[in-house]
Amino acid sequence: MFKSTKLNACVLFAVFLIPQWFLYAEVSDKYKKLAKEAAATYGSGADKRILAWRRMIEETKPLSVVDQLTEVNNFFNQMGFVDDIDLWGKEDYWATPIEFLGMQAGDCEDFTIAKYFALRELGVPDEKLRLVYVKSLTLNQHHMVVAYYHKPTSIPVLLDNIDKALKPASRRNDLLPIYSFNAENLWLSKEKGRGVLVGGSSRLSLWTDLNDRLLNTISN
């Protein structure tokens, strides 16, 4: 029912610089194994990005929610933008955070998915988060961002890979919401408010497939 149109905006690759102190974090054996596997699959440097991701999660846990949003947004925005067809040979593919970091690139959905899972791991309640599919009126392209709601009735703060500064949705008149979802639910957007609940997010086949692949990767 909901098929994404890819964002073709030209976004330059960022240089991914990893401070040395990132690499000495206490990382569980599970993620050390994943880091080695990432290097074997995606090439030299992928393991360092995986370890940097785990270090960021550990360092960010004690921070305030606002600082967590900032750190997560900044960390993943270091990746480069590449369309799915060029990266994966598919018109539409939602990468896991490990695939995204391994490739050091992805499209707007991949940025958004990685940020969402990081915030959930940091303890941000799912009911305060949405992955929001929007239309960029400036670029005339479809796009995806993360929305954080401090309270159910509050204006959400958006985490974006194009406009990289955290901003409330009220300051993003360039984005037109279409639908949103989290781990449980799916909403169609309306002119005002948080949207109309239309069912579970399992209706999105790409989301279900992504979660299955991520669970399989982490549990092995």
N, C-alpha and C. Protein backbone atom coordinates (compact mmCIF):
# COMPACT_ATOMS: atom_id res chain seq x y z
N MET A 1 0.83 -1.21 0.00
CA MET A 1 0.00 0.00 0.00
C MET A 1 0.86 1.25 0.00
N PHE A 2 1.88 1.25 0.85
CA PHE A 2 2.74 2.42 0.96
C PHE A 2 4.10 2.08 0.36
N LYS A 3 4.37 2.64 -0.80
CA LYS A 3 5.66 2.40 -1.45
C LYS A 3 6.43 3.69 -1.51
N SER A 4 7.67 3.69 -1.02
CA SER A 4 8.48 4.88 -0.97
C SER A 4 8.96 5.28 -2.35
N THR A 5 9.00 6.58 -2.59
CA THR A 5 9.67 7.14 -3.75
C THR A 5 11.02 7.63 -3.29
N LYS A 6 12.09 7.27 -3.99
CA LYS A 6 13.43 7.54 -3.49
C LYS A 6 13.78 9.00 -3.58
N LEU A 7 14.53 9.48 -2.61
CA LEU A 7 15.02 10.84 -2.60
C LEU A 7 16.26 10.92 -3.47
N ASN A 8 16.23 11.74 -4.50
CA ASN A 8 17.34 11.81 -5.43
C ASN A 8 18.20 13.05 -5.21
N ALA A 9 17.98 13.74 -4.08
CA ALA A 9 18.76 14.94 -3.81
C ALA A 9 20.23 14.58 -3.70
N CYS A 10 21.08 15.46 -4.16
CA CYS A 10 22.53 15.21 -4.11
C CYS A 10 23.05 15.63 -2.75
N VAL A 11 23.47 14.65 -1.97
CA VAL A 11 24.05 14.91 -0.65
C VAL A 11 25.45 14.35 -0.65
N LEU A 12 26.44 15.19 -0.39
CA LEU A 12 27.83 14.78 -0.47
C LEU A 12 28.19 13.84 0.66
N PHE A 13 29.15 12.96 0.40
CA PHE A 13 29.67 12.08 1.43
C PHE A 13 30.41 12.90 2.47
N ALA A 14 30.17 12.58 3.74
CA ALA A 14 30.92 13.19 4.82
C ALA A 14 32.12 12.31 5.12
N VAL A 15 33.21 12.92 5.55
CA VAL A 15 34.38 12.15 5.96
C VAL A 15 34.11 11.61 7.35
N PHE A 16 34.20 10.31 7.49
CA PHE A 16 33.85 9.67 8.76
C PHE A 16 35.11 9.55 9.59
N LEU A 17 35.31 10.49 10.48
CA LEU A 17 36.48 10.51 11.34
C LEU A 17 36.13 9.95 12.70
N ILE A 18 36.84 8.92 13.14
CA ILE A 18 36.56 8.27 14.40
C ILE A 18 37.66 8.61 15.39
N PRO A 19 37.34 9.36 16.45
CA PRO A 19 38.35 9.62 17.47
C PRO A 19 38.88 8.31 18.04
N GLN A 20 40.17 8.27 18.34
CA GLN A 20 40.77 7.04 18.82
C GLN A 20 40.13 6.54 20.10
N TRP A 21 39.65 7.45 20.96
CA TRP A 21 39.07 6.99 22.21
C TRP A 21 37.80 6.18 21.98
N PHE A 22 37.17 6.37 20.80
CA PHE A 22 35.98 5.56 20.47
C PHE A 22 36.33 4.08 20.39
N LEU A 23 37.54 3.78 19.98
CA LEU A 23 37.88 2.42 19.65
C LEU A 23 38.27 1.58 20.86
N TYR A 24 38.37 2.21 22.02
CA TYR A 24 38.79 1.49 23.22
C TYR A 24 37.65 1.25 24.18
N ALA A 25 36.44 1.42 23.70
CA ALA A 25 35.28 1.21 24.56
C ALA A 25 35.14 -0.26 24.90
N GLU A 26 34.49 -0.51 26.02
CA GLU A 26 34.13 -1.87 26.37
C GLU A 26 32.96 -2.28 25.47
N VAL A 27 33.21 -3.21 24.61
CA VAL A 27 32.20 -3.67 23.67
C VAL A 27 31.94 -5.14 23.93
N SER A 28 30.69 -5.53 23.95
CA SER A 28 30.36 -6.92 24.21
C SER A 28 30.92 -7.83 23.13
N ASP A 29 31.11 -9.08 23.48
CA ASP A 29 31.64 -10.05 22.51
C ASP A 29 30.75 -10.14 21.28
N LYS A 30 29.43 -9.97 21.49
CA LYS A 30 28.49 -10.03 20.37
C LYS A 30 28.82 -8.97 19.33
N TYR A 31 29.07 -7.74 19.79
CA TYR A 31 29.33 -6.67 18.85
C TYR A 31 30.76 -6.69 18.32
N LYS A 32 31.70 -7.25 19.09
CA LYS A 32 33.04 -7.46 18.55
C LYS A 32 32.98 -8.42 17.38
N LYS A 33 32.17 -9.46 17.55
CA LYS A 33 31.99 -10.43 16.47
C LYS A 33 31.33 -9.76 15.26
N LEU A 34 30.30 -8.95 15.51
CA LEU A 34 29.63 -8.26 14.42
C LEU A 34 30.59 -7.30 13.70
N ALA A 35 31.47 -6.65 14.47
CA ALA A 35 32.43 -5.73 13.88
C ALA A 35 33.38 -6.47 12.94
N LYS A 36 33.86 -7.63 13.37
CA LYS A 36 34.75 -8.43 12.53
C LYS A 36 34.03 -8.90 11.27
N GLU A 37 32.78 -9.33 11.44
CA GLU A 37 32.00 -9.78 10.29
C GLU A 37 31.74 -8.63 9.32
N ALA A 38 31.51 -7.43 9.88
CA ALA A 38 31.28 -6.26 9.03
C ALA A 38 32.51 -5.94 8.20
N ALA A 39 33.69 -6.04 8.81
CA ALA A 39 34.93 -5.78 8.07
C ALA A 39 35.11 -6.79 6.95
N ALA A 40 34.77 -8.06 7.23
CA ALA A 40 34.90 -9.10 6.21
C ALA A 40 33.91 -8.88 5.07
N THR A 41 32.72 -8.37 5.40
CA THR A 41 31.68 -8.19 4.40
C THR A 41 31.82 -6.89 3.62
N TYR A 42 32.08 -5.78 4.35
CA TYR A 42 32.05 -4.45 3.73
C TYR A 42 33.42 -3.83 3.53
N GLY A 43 34.47 -4.44 4.09
CA GLY A 43 35.80 -3.92 3.89
C GLY A 43 36.36 -3.21 5.11
N SER A 44 37.63 -2.91 5.03
CA SER A 44 38.35 -2.25 6.13
C SER A 44 37.67 -0.94 6.51
N GLY A 45 37.51 -0.71 7.79
CA GLY A 45 36.86 0.49 8.30
C GLY A 45 35.47 0.23 8.81
N ALA A 46 34.80 -0.80 8.28
CA ALA A 46 33.44 -1.11 8.73
C ALA A 46 33.45 -1.52 10.19
N ASP A 47 34.48 -2.26 10.61
CA ASP A 47 34.56 -2.68 12.01
C ASP A 47 34.71 -1.49 12.93
N LYS A 48 35.47 -0.49 12.51
CA LYS A 48 35.66 0.71 13.33
C LYS A 48 34.35 1.51 13.45
N ARG A 49 33.58 1.52 12.39
CA ARG A 49 32.30 2.23 12.45
C ARG A 49 31.32 1.52 13.38
N ILE A 50 31.34 0.19 13.37
CA ILE A 50 30.48 -0.57 14.28
C ILE A 50 30.89 -0.30 15.72
N LEU A 51 32.19 -0.33 16.00
CA LEU A 51 32.67 -0.07 17.36
C LEU A 51 32.37 1.36 17.79
N ALA A 52 32.49 2.30 16.86
CA ALA A 52 32.18 3.70 17.17
C ALA A 52 30.70 3.86 17.51
N TRP A 53 29.86 3.15 16.80
CA TRP A 53 28.42 3.15 17.08
C TRP A 53 28.14 2.67 18.49
N ARG A 54 28.77 1.55 18.89
CA ARG A 54 28.56 1.02 20.23
C ARG A 54 29.10 1.97 21.30
N ARG A 55 30.23 2.60 21.02
CA ARG A 55 30.78 3.56 21.97
C ARG A 55 29.84 4.75 22.12
N MET A 56 29.29 5.23 21.01
CA MET A 56 28.35 6.35 21.06
C MET A 56 27.15 6.00 21.92
N ILE A 57 26.62 4.79 21.76
CA ILE A 57 25.47 4.37 22.57
C ILE A 57 25.82 4.40 24.05
N GLU A 58 26.96 3.84 24.43
CA GLU A 58 27.35 3.79 25.84
C GLU A 58 27.60 5.18 26.41
N GLU A 59 28.27 6.03 25.65
CA GLU A 59 28.59 7.38 26.12
C GLU A 59 27.35 8.26 26.22
N THR A 60 26.33 7.96 25.43
CA THR A 60 25.15 8.82 25.36
C THR A 60 24.08 8.44 26.38
N LYS A 61 24.14 7.23 26.91
CA LYS A 61 23.11 6.76 27.84
C LYS A 61 22.87 7.69 29.03
N PRO A 62 23.90 8.26 29.66
CA PRO A 62 23.65 9.10 30.84
C PRO A 62 23.14 10.50 30.51
N LEU A 63 23.10 10.89 29.26
CA LEU A 63 22.78 12.26 28.88
C LEU A 63 21.28 12.53 28.91
N SER A 64 20.94 13.80 28.87
CA SER A 64 19.54 14.20 28.77
C SER A 64 18.98 13.77 27.42
N VAL A 65 17.66 13.73 27.30
CA VAL A 65 17.05 13.33 26.04
C VAL A 65 17.46 14.27 24.91
N VAL A 66 17.50 15.57 25.19
CA VAL A 66 17.88 16.53 24.15
C VAL A 66 19.29 16.23 23.65
N ASP A 67 20.20 15.94 24.56
CA ASP A 67 21.57 15.63 24.16
C ASP A 67 21.64 14.28 23.45
N GLN A 68 20.81 13.34 23.86
CA GLN A 68 20.76 12.06 23.16
C GLN A 68 20.31 12.25 21.71
N LEU A 69 19.27 13.05 21.52
CA LEU A 69 18.79 13.33 20.17
C LEU A 69 19.90 13.95 19.32
N THR A 70 20.62 14.89 19.91
CA THR A 70 21.69 15.58 19.19
C THR A 70 22.81 14.63 18.83
N GLU A 71 23.26 13.83 19.79
CA GLU A 71 24.38 12.92 19.54
C GLU A 71 24.03 11.88 18.49
N VAL A 72 22.85 11.31 18.60
CA VAL A 72 22.43 10.29 17.63
C VAL A 72 22.30 10.90 16.24
N ASN A 73 21.68 12.06 16.16
CA ASN A 73 21.51 12.73 14.87
C ASN A 73 22.86 13.03 14.23
N ASN A 74 23.78 13.59 15.01
CA ASN A 74 25.09 13.95 14.48
C ASN A 74 25.91 12.73 14.07
N PHE A 75 25.81 11.67 14.87
CA PHE A 75 26.62 10.48 14.58
C PHE A 75 26.25 9.89 13.22
N PHE A 76 24.97 9.63 13.00
CA PHE A 76 24.58 8.97 11.76
C PHE A 76 24.62 9.90 10.57
N ASN A 77 24.53 11.21 10.80
CA ASN A 77 24.62 12.15 9.69
C ASN A 77 26.02 12.25 9.11
N GLN A 78 26.98 11.53 9.69
CA GLN A 78 28.32 11.46 9.10
C GLN A 78 28.36 10.52 7.89
N MET A 79 27.33 9.68 7.75
CA MET A 79 27.29 8.77 6.62
C MET A 79 26.97 9.53 5.33
N GLY A 80 27.21 8.89 4.20
CA GLY A 80 26.92 9.51 2.92
C GLY A 80 25.57 9.09 2.38
N PHE A 81 25.03 9.87 1.47
CA PHE A 81 23.74 9.56 0.85
C PHE A 81 23.96 8.88 -0.49
N VAL A 82 23.34 7.72 -0.66
CA VAL A 82 23.35 7.00 -1.94
C VAL A 82 21.98 6.35 -2.11
N ASP A 83 21.42 6.41 -3.31
CA ASP A 83 20.13 5.78 -3.59
C ASP A 83 20.25 4.26 -3.50
N ASP A 84 19.13 3.61 -3.17
CA ASP A 84 19.11 2.15 -3.06
C ASP A 84 19.53 1.45 -4.34
N ILE A 85 19.10 1.96 -5.47
CA ILE A 85 19.40 1.29 -6.73
C ILE A 85 20.89 1.26 -6.99
N ASP A 86 21.59 2.30 -6.55
CA ASP A 86 23.04 2.36 -6.73
C ASP A 86 23.79 1.57 -5.67
N LEU A 87 23.21 1.51 -4.46
CA LEU A 87 23.90 0.88 -3.34
C LEU A 87 23.59 -0.62 -3.26
N TRP A 88 22.30 -0.97 -3.45
CA TRP A 88 21.86 -2.34 -3.26
C TRP A 88 21.35 -3.01 -4.53
N GLY A 89 21.23 -2.24 -5.62
CA GLY A 89 20.69 -2.79 -6.86
C GLY A 89 19.19 -3.04 -6.79
N LYS A 90 18.51 -2.36 -5.85
CA LYS A 90 17.06 -2.49 -5.68
C LYS A 90 16.43 -1.11 -5.65
N GLU A 91 15.19 -1.03 -6.10
CA GLU A 91 14.50 0.25 -6.09
C GLU A 91 14.21 0.72 -4.67
N ASP A 92 13.95 -0.23 -3.77
CA ASP A 92 13.59 0.14 -2.41
C ASP A 92 14.10 -0.93 -1.45
N TYR A 93 15.00 -0.55 -0.57
CA TYR A 93 15.58 -1.48 0.40
C TYR A 93 15.84 -0.72 1.69
N TRP A 94 15.28 -1.21 2.80
CA TRP A 94 15.50 -0.57 4.09
C TRP A 94 16.60 -1.33 4.81
N ALA A 95 17.74 -0.69 4.95
CA ALA A 95 18.92 -1.33 5.54
C ALA A 95 18.86 -1.33 7.06
N THR A 96 19.45 -2.35 7.65
CA THR A 96 19.62 -2.37 9.10
C THR A 96 20.72 -1.36 9.46
N PRO A 97 20.79 -0.94 10.73
CA PRO A 97 21.89 -0.05 11.13
C PRO A 97 23.26 -0.63 10.83
N ILE A 98 23.42 -1.95 10.94
CA ILE A 98 24.71 -2.58 10.67
C ILE A 98 25.04 -2.50 9.19
N GLU A 99 24.05 -2.74 8.33
CA GLU A 99 24.27 -2.60 6.89
C GLU A 99 24.58 -1.15 6.53
N PHE A 100 23.86 -0.23 7.12
CA PHE A 100 24.06 1.20 6.87
C PHE A 100 25.48 1.63 7.25
N LEU A 101 25.93 1.22 8.44
CA LEU A 101 27.28 1.57 8.87
C LEU A 101 28.32 0.82 8.07
N GLY A 102 28.02 -0.43 7.72
CA GLY A 102 28.96 -1.20 6.92
C GLY A 102 29.24 -0.54 5.58
N MET A 103 28.19 -0.09 4.92
CA MET A 103 28.32 0.56 3.62
C MET A 103 28.78 2.01 3.75
N GLN A 104 28.66 2.57 4.96
CA GLN A 104 28.97 3.98 5.22
C GLN A 104 28.11 4.90 4.36
N ALA A 105 26.92 4.42 4.02
CA ALA A 105 26.04 5.19 3.16
C ALA A 105 24.66 4.57 3.16
N GLY A 106 23.70 5.35 2.73
CA GLY A 106 22.33 4.88 2.59
C GLY A 106 21.45 6.02 2.12
N ASP A 107 20.15 5.75 2.01
CA ASP A 107 19.22 6.81 1.64
C ASP A 107 18.49 7.30 2.88
N CYS A 108 17.49 8.15 2.70
CA CYS A 108 16.86 8.81 3.84
C CYS A 108 16.23 7.82 4.82
N GLU A 109 15.66 6.73 4.30
CA GLU A 109 15.08 5.74 5.21
C GLU A 109 16.14 5.11 6.10
N ASP A 110 17.33 4.87 5.55
CA ASP A 110 18.40 4.23 6.31
C ASP A 110 18.92 5.13 7.43
N PHE A 111 19.06 6.42 7.15
CA PHE A 111 19.43 7.37 8.20
C PHE A 111 18.39 7.34 9.32
N THR A 112 17.13 7.40 8.92
CA THR A 112 16.03 7.47 9.88
C THR A 112 15.93 6.20 10.71
N ILE A 113 16.03 5.05 10.07
CA ILE A 113 15.94 3.77 10.78
C ILE A 113 17.06 3.63 11.79
N ALA A 114 18.28 3.97 11.41
CA ALA A 114 19.41 3.85 12.33
C ALA A 114 19.23 4.75 13.55
N LYS A 115 18.75 5.96 13.33
CA LYS A 115 18.52 6.89 14.44
C LYS A 115 17.42 6.38 15.35
N TYR A 116 16.36 5.86 14.76
CA TYR A 116 15.24 5.35 15.55
C TYR A 116 15.70 4.21 16.47
N PHE A 117 16.40 3.24 15.92
CA PHE A 117 16.84 2.11 16.74
C PHE A 117 17.83 2.53 17.81
N ALA A 118 18.68 3.50 17.51
CA ALA A 118 19.62 4.00 18.52
C ALA A 118 18.88 4.66 19.68
N LEU A 119 17.89 5.46 19.36
CA LEU A 119 17.12 6.13 20.42
C LEU A 119 16.34 5.13 21.25
N ARG A 120 15.79 4.10 20.61
CA ARG A 120 15.09 3.06 21.37
C ARG A 120 16.06 2.35 22.31
N GLU A 121 17.26 2.07 21.83
CA GLU A 121 18.26 1.40 22.67
C GLU A 121 18.68 2.28 23.84
N LEU A 122 18.63 3.58 23.65
CA LEU A 122 18.97 4.52 24.72
C LEU A 122 17.84 4.66 25.73
N GLY A 123 16.72 4.03 25.49
CA GLY A 123 15.63 4.05 26.44
C GLY A 123 14.52 5.03 26.14
N VAL A 124 14.56 5.67 24.99
CA VAL A 124 13.48 6.59 24.62
C VAL A 124 12.24 5.75 24.34
N PRO A 125 11.13 6.01 25.01
CA PRO A 125 9.91 5.20 24.81
C PRO A 125 9.42 5.25 23.37
N ASP A 126 8.94 4.11 22.90
CA ASP A 126 8.49 4.03 21.52
C ASP A 126 7.33 4.98 21.23
N GLU A 127 6.48 5.21 22.25
CA GLU A 127 5.33 6.09 22.02
C GLU A 127 5.74 7.54 21.81
N LYS A 128 7.01 7.87 22.10
CA LYS A 128 7.50 9.23 21.87
C LYS A 128 8.20 9.38 20.53
N LEU A 129 8.28 8.29 19.77
CA LEU A 129 9.02 8.31 18.51
C LEU A 129 8.14 7.91 17.34
N ARG A 130 8.41 8.52 16.21
CA ARG A 130 7.77 8.12 14.95
C ARG A 130 8.79 8.21 13.83
N LEU A 131 8.72 7.30 12.91
CA LEU A 131 9.41 7.42 11.63
C LEU A 131 8.38 8.04 10.70
N VAL A 132 8.68 9.20 10.15
CA VAL A 132 7.69 9.98 9.41
C VAL A 132 8.08 10.08 7.93
N TYR A 133 7.21 9.56 7.08
CA TYR A 133 7.38 9.65 5.63
C TYR A 133 6.75 10.96 5.19
N VAL A 134 7.54 11.80 4.53
CA VAL A 134 7.09 13.15 4.17
C VAL A 134 7.40 13.42 2.70
N LYS A 135 6.88 14.53 2.23
CA LYS A 135 7.30 15.06 0.94
C LYS A 135 8.07 16.35 1.20
N SER A 136 9.27 16.43 0.65
CA SER A 136 10.04 17.67 0.72
C SER A 136 9.53 18.61 -0.36
N LEU A 137 8.89 19.68 0.06
CA LEU A 137 8.31 20.62 -0.90
C LEU A 137 9.40 21.39 -1.64
N THR A 138 10.52 21.60 -0.98
CA THR A 138 11.63 22.31 -1.61
C THR A 138 12.26 21.49 -2.72
N LEU A 139 12.48 20.20 -2.43
CA LEU A 139 13.14 19.32 -3.40
C LEU A 139 12.17 18.59 -4.31
N ASN A 140 10.85 18.67 -3.97
CA ASN A 140 9.82 17.94 -4.71
C ASN A 140 10.15 16.45 -4.75
N GLN A 141 10.56 15.93 -3.58
CA GLN A 141 10.90 14.53 -3.45
C GLN A 141 10.32 13.98 -2.15
N HIS A 142 10.12 12.67 -2.10
CA HIS A 142 9.72 12.04 -0.85
C HIS A 142 10.94 11.80 0.02
N HIS A 143 10.70 11.76 1.33
CA HIS A 143 11.80 11.78 2.29
C HIS A 143 11.31 11.13 3.58
N MET A 144 12.21 10.85 4.51
CA MET A 144 11.82 10.30 5.80
C MET A 144 12.67 10.91 6.91
N VAL A 145 12.04 11.17 8.06
CA VAL A 145 12.72 11.74 9.22
C VAL A 145 12.23 11.04 10.48
N VAL A 146 12.95 11.24 11.58
CA VAL A 146 12.50 10.78 12.89
C VAL A 146 11.84 11.95 13.62
N ALA A 147 10.70 11.68 14.26
CA ALA A 147 10.03 12.69 15.08
C ALA A 147 10.05 12.24 16.54
N TYR A 148 10.44 13.16 17.42
CA TYR A 148 10.41 12.89 18.87
C TYR A 148 9.38 13.81 19.51
N TYR A 149 8.43 13.22 20.26
CA TYR A 149 7.39 13.95 20.96
C TYR A 149 7.71 13.96 22.46
N HIS A 150 7.99 15.14 23.00
CA HIS A 150 8.25 15.22 24.43
C HIS A 150 7.01 14.83 25.23
N LYS A 151 5.85 15.30 24.77
CA LYS A 151 4.54 14.94 25.33
C LYS A 151 3.62 14.57 24.18
N PRO A 152 2.56 13.81 24.44
CA PRO A 152 1.68 13.39 23.34
C PRO A 152 1.13 14.54 22.51
N THR A 153 0.91 15.69 23.15
CA THR A 153 0.32 16.82 22.43
C THR A 153 1.35 17.85 21.96
N SER A 154 2.61 17.59 22.22
CA SER A 154 3.64 18.58 21.87
C SER A 154 3.99 18.51 20.39
N ILE A 155 4.57 19.60 19.89
CA ILE A 155 5.10 19.62 18.53
C ILE A 155 6.39 18.82 18.52
N PRO A 156 6.53 17.86 17.63
CA PRO A 156 7.73 17.01 17.67
C PRO A 156 8.99 17.72 17.19
N VAL A 157 10.12 17.24 17.67
CA VAL A 157 11.43 17.65 17.16
C VAL A 157 11.82 16.65 16.09
N LEU A 158 12.38 17.13 14.98
CA LEU A 158 12.72 16.27 13.86
C LEU A 158 14.22 16.06 13.74
N LEU A 159 14.60 14.81 13.50
CA LEU A 159 15.99 14.44 13.21
C LEU A 159 16.05 14.14 11.72
N ASP A 160 16.93 14.84 11.02
CA ASP A 160 16.93 14.81 9.55
C ASP A 160 18.36 14.74 9.04
N ASN A 161 18.55 14.13 7.89
CA ASN A 161 19.88 14.06 7.29
C ASN A 161 20.10 15.13 6.23
N ILE A 162 19.06 15.89 5.88
CA ILE A 162 19.22 16.99 4.93
C ILE A 162 19.40 18.30 5.68
N ASP A 163 18.40 18.71 6.44
CA ASP A 163 18.54 19.84 7.36
C ASP A 163 19.01 19.23 8.67
N LYS A 164 20.29 19.29 8.92
CA LYS A 164 20.91 18.49 9.99
C LYS A 164 20.69 19.03 11.40
N ALA A 165 20.21 20.25 11.53
CA ALA A 165 19.96 20.83 12.85
C ALA A 165 18.63 20.32 13.39
N LEU A 166 18.62 19.97 14.69
CA LEU A 166 17.35 19.59 15.32
C LEU A 166 16.41 20.78 15.29
N LYS A 167 15.20 20.56 14.79
CA LYS A 167 14.22 21.65 14.72
C LYS A 167 12.84 21.11 15.01
N PRO A 168 11.98 21.92 15.63
CA PRO A 168 10.58 21.49 15.79
C PRO A 168 9.90 21.44 14.44
N ALA A 169 8.92 20.56 14.33
CA ALA A 169 8.21 20.41 13.06
C ALA A 169 7.58 21.72 12.60
N SER A 170 7.24 22.59 13.54
CA SER A 170 6.63 23.88 13.19
C SER A 170 7.57 24.78 12.39
N ARG A 171 8.88 24.46 12.45
CA ARG A 171 9.86 25.24 11.69
C ARG A 171 10.27 24.53 10.41
N ARG A 172 9.59 23.46 10.09
CA ARG A 172 9.91 22.72 8.87
C ARG A 172 8.72 22.75 7.92
N ASN A 173 8.41 23.96 7.48
CA ASN A 173 7.30 24.12 6.55
C ASN A 173 7.61 23.53 5.17
N ASP A 174 8.86 23.10 4.99
CA ASP A 174 9.26 22.48 3.72
C ASP A 174 8.86 21.01 3.65
N LEU A 175 8.36 20.45 4.76
CA LEU A 175 8.01 19.03 4.81
C LEU A 175 6.51 18.85 4.96
N LEU A 176 5.95 17.99 4.13
CA LEU A 176 4.52 17.67 4.19
C LEU A 176 4.37 16.22 4.63
N PRO A 177 3.88 15.96 5.85
CA PRO A 177 3.75 14.58 6.34
C PRO A 177 2.74 13.78 5.52
N ILE A 178 3.05 12.51 5.29
CA ILE A 178 2.17 11.61 4.54
C ILE A 178 1.69 10.48 5.44
N TYR A 179 2.62 9.76 6.04
CA TYR A 179 2.27 8.75 7.04
C TYR A 179 3.41 8.59 8.01
N SER A 180 3.13 8.00 9.16
CA SER A 180 4.16 7.78 10.17
C SER A 180 3.92 6.45 10.86
N PHE A 181 4.95 5.93 11.51
CA PHE A 181 4.83 4.65 12.18
C PHE A 181 5.92 4.51 13.24
N ASN A 182 5.72 3.55 14.14
CA ASN A 182 6.76 3.15 15.08
C ASN A 182 6.72 1.62 15.16
N ALA A 183 7.22 1.05 16.24
CA ALA A 183 7.31 -0.41 16.31
C ALA A 183 5.94 -1.07 16.27
N GLU A 184 4.91 -0.37 16.72
CA GLU A 184 3.59 -0.98 16.85
C GLU A 184 2.56 -0.49 15.85
N ASN A 185 2.51 0.81 15.61
CA ASN A 185 1.36 1.39 14.92
C ASN A 185 1.73 2.15 13.65
N LEU A 186 0.71 2.37 12.85
CA LEU A 186 0.82 3.10 11.59
C LEU A 186 -0.28 4.15 11.54
N TRP A 187 0.10 5.39 11.20
CA TRP A 187 -0.86 6.50 11.13
C TRP A 187 -0.79 7.16 9.76
N LEU A 188 -1.94 7.53 9.24
CA LEU A 188 -2.00 8.42 8.09
C LEU A 188 -2.05 9.85 8.61
N SER A 189 -1.28 10.72 8.00
CA SER A 189 -1.23 12.09 8.47
C SER A 189 -2.48 12.85 8.07
N LYS A 190 -2.79 13.87 8.85
CA LYS A 190 -3.89 14.77 8.53
C LYS A 190 -3.40 16.18 8.73
N GLU A 191 -4.24 17.14 8.42
CA GLU A 191 -3.80 18.54 8.40
C GLU A 191 -3.27 18.97 9.76
N LYS A 192 -3.92 18.58 10.83
CA LYS A 192 -3.49 18.95 12.16
C LYS A 192 -3.48 17.71 13.05
N GLY A 193 -2.63 17.73 14.05
CA GLY A 193 -2.58 16.61 14.98
C GLY A 193 -1.60 15.54 14.56
N ARG A 194 -1.67 14.40 15.27
CA ARG A 194 -0.69 13.35 15.09
C ARG A 194 -1.11 12.31 14.06
N GLY A 195 -2.26 12.47 13.42
CA GLY A 195 -2.65 11.56 12.37
C GLY A 195 -3.75 10.61 12.79
N VAL A 196 -4.18 9.79 11.85
CA VAL A 196 -5.26 8.84 12.07
C VAL A 196 -4.68 7.43 12.10
N LEU A 197 -4.90 6.72 13.20
CA LEU A 197 -4.41 5.36 13.34
C LEU A 197 -5.12 4.47 12.33
N VAL A 198 -4.34 3.74 11.53
CA VAL A 198 -4.94 2.88 10.51
C VAL A 198 -4.53 1.42 10.67
N GLY A 199 -3.80 1.10 11.74
CA GLY A 199 -3.43 -0.29 11.97
C GLY A 199 -2.03 -0.42 12.51
N GLY A 200 -1.50 -1.62 12.42
CA GLY A 200 -0.15 -1.90 12.91
C GLY A 200 0.90 -1.63 11.86
N SER A 201 2.11 -1.34 12.32
CA SER A 201 3.21 -1.08 11.40
C SER A 201 3.63 -2.33 10.64
N SER A 202 3.15 -3.50 11.08
CA SER A 202 3.44 -4.74 10.36
C SER A 202 2.84 -4.73 8.96
N ARG A 203 1.94 -3.78 8.70
CA ARG A 203 1.38 -3.64 7.35
C ARG A 203 2.44 -3.18 6.35
N LEU A 204 3.54 -2.62 6.85
CA LEU A 204 4.63 -2.18 5.99
C LEU A 204 5.60 -3.34 5.81
N SER A 205 5.58 -3.96 4.65
CA SER A 205 6.39 -5.15 4.42
C SER A 205 7.88 -4.87 4.54
N LEU A 206 8.32 -3.69 4.12
CA LEU A 206 9.74 -3.36 4.23
C LEU A 206 10.17 -3.25 5.69
N TRP A 207 9.29 -2.75 6.54
CA TRP A 207 9.56 -2.63 7.96
C TRP A 207 9.64 -4.01 8.61
N THR A 208 8.73 -4.90 8.26
CA THR A 208 8.74 -6.26 8.80
C THR A 208 10.00 -7.00 8.37
N ASP A 209 10.35 -6.87 7.10
CA ASP A 209 11.55 -7.53 6.59
C ASP A 209 12.80 -7.00 7.27
N LEU A 210 12.88 -5.70 7.46
CA LEU A 210 14.02 -5.09 8.15
C LEU A 210 14.17 -5.63 9.56
N ASN A 211 13.09 -5.67 10.31
CA ASN A 211 13.14 -6.16 11.68
C ASN A 211 13.55 -7.63 11.75
N ASP A 212 13.08 -8.43 10.82
CA ASP A 212 13.47 -9.84 10.79
C ASP A 212 14.96 -9.98 10.53
N ARG A 213 15.48 -9.21 9.58
CA ARG A 213 16.91 -9.29 9.26
C ARG A 213 17.77 -8.80 10.43
N LEU A 214 17.33 -7.73 11.08
CA LEU A 214 18.09 -7.19 12.20
C LEU A 214 18.12 -8.18 13.36
N LEU A 215 16.97 -8.76 13.67
CA LEU A 215 16.90 -9.74 14.75
C LEU A 215 17.80 -10.93 14.45
N ASN A 216 17.77 -11.38 13.22
CA ASN A 216 18.60 -12.52 12.82
C ASN A 216 20.09 -12.19 12.96
N THR A 217 20.47 -10.97 12.57
CA THR A 217 21.87 -10.58 12.65
C THR A 217 22.35 -10.46 14.09
N ILE A 218 21.54 -9.83 14.93
CA ILE A 218 21.93 -9.60 16.32
C ILE A 218 21.94 -10.89 17.12
N SER A 219 21.01 -11.80 16.83
CA SER A 219 20.87 -13.01 17.63
C SER A 219 21.88 -14.09 17.25
N ASN A 220 22.49 -13.99 16.07
CA ASN A 220 23.45 -15.02 15.65
C ASN A 220 24.80 -14.86 16.35
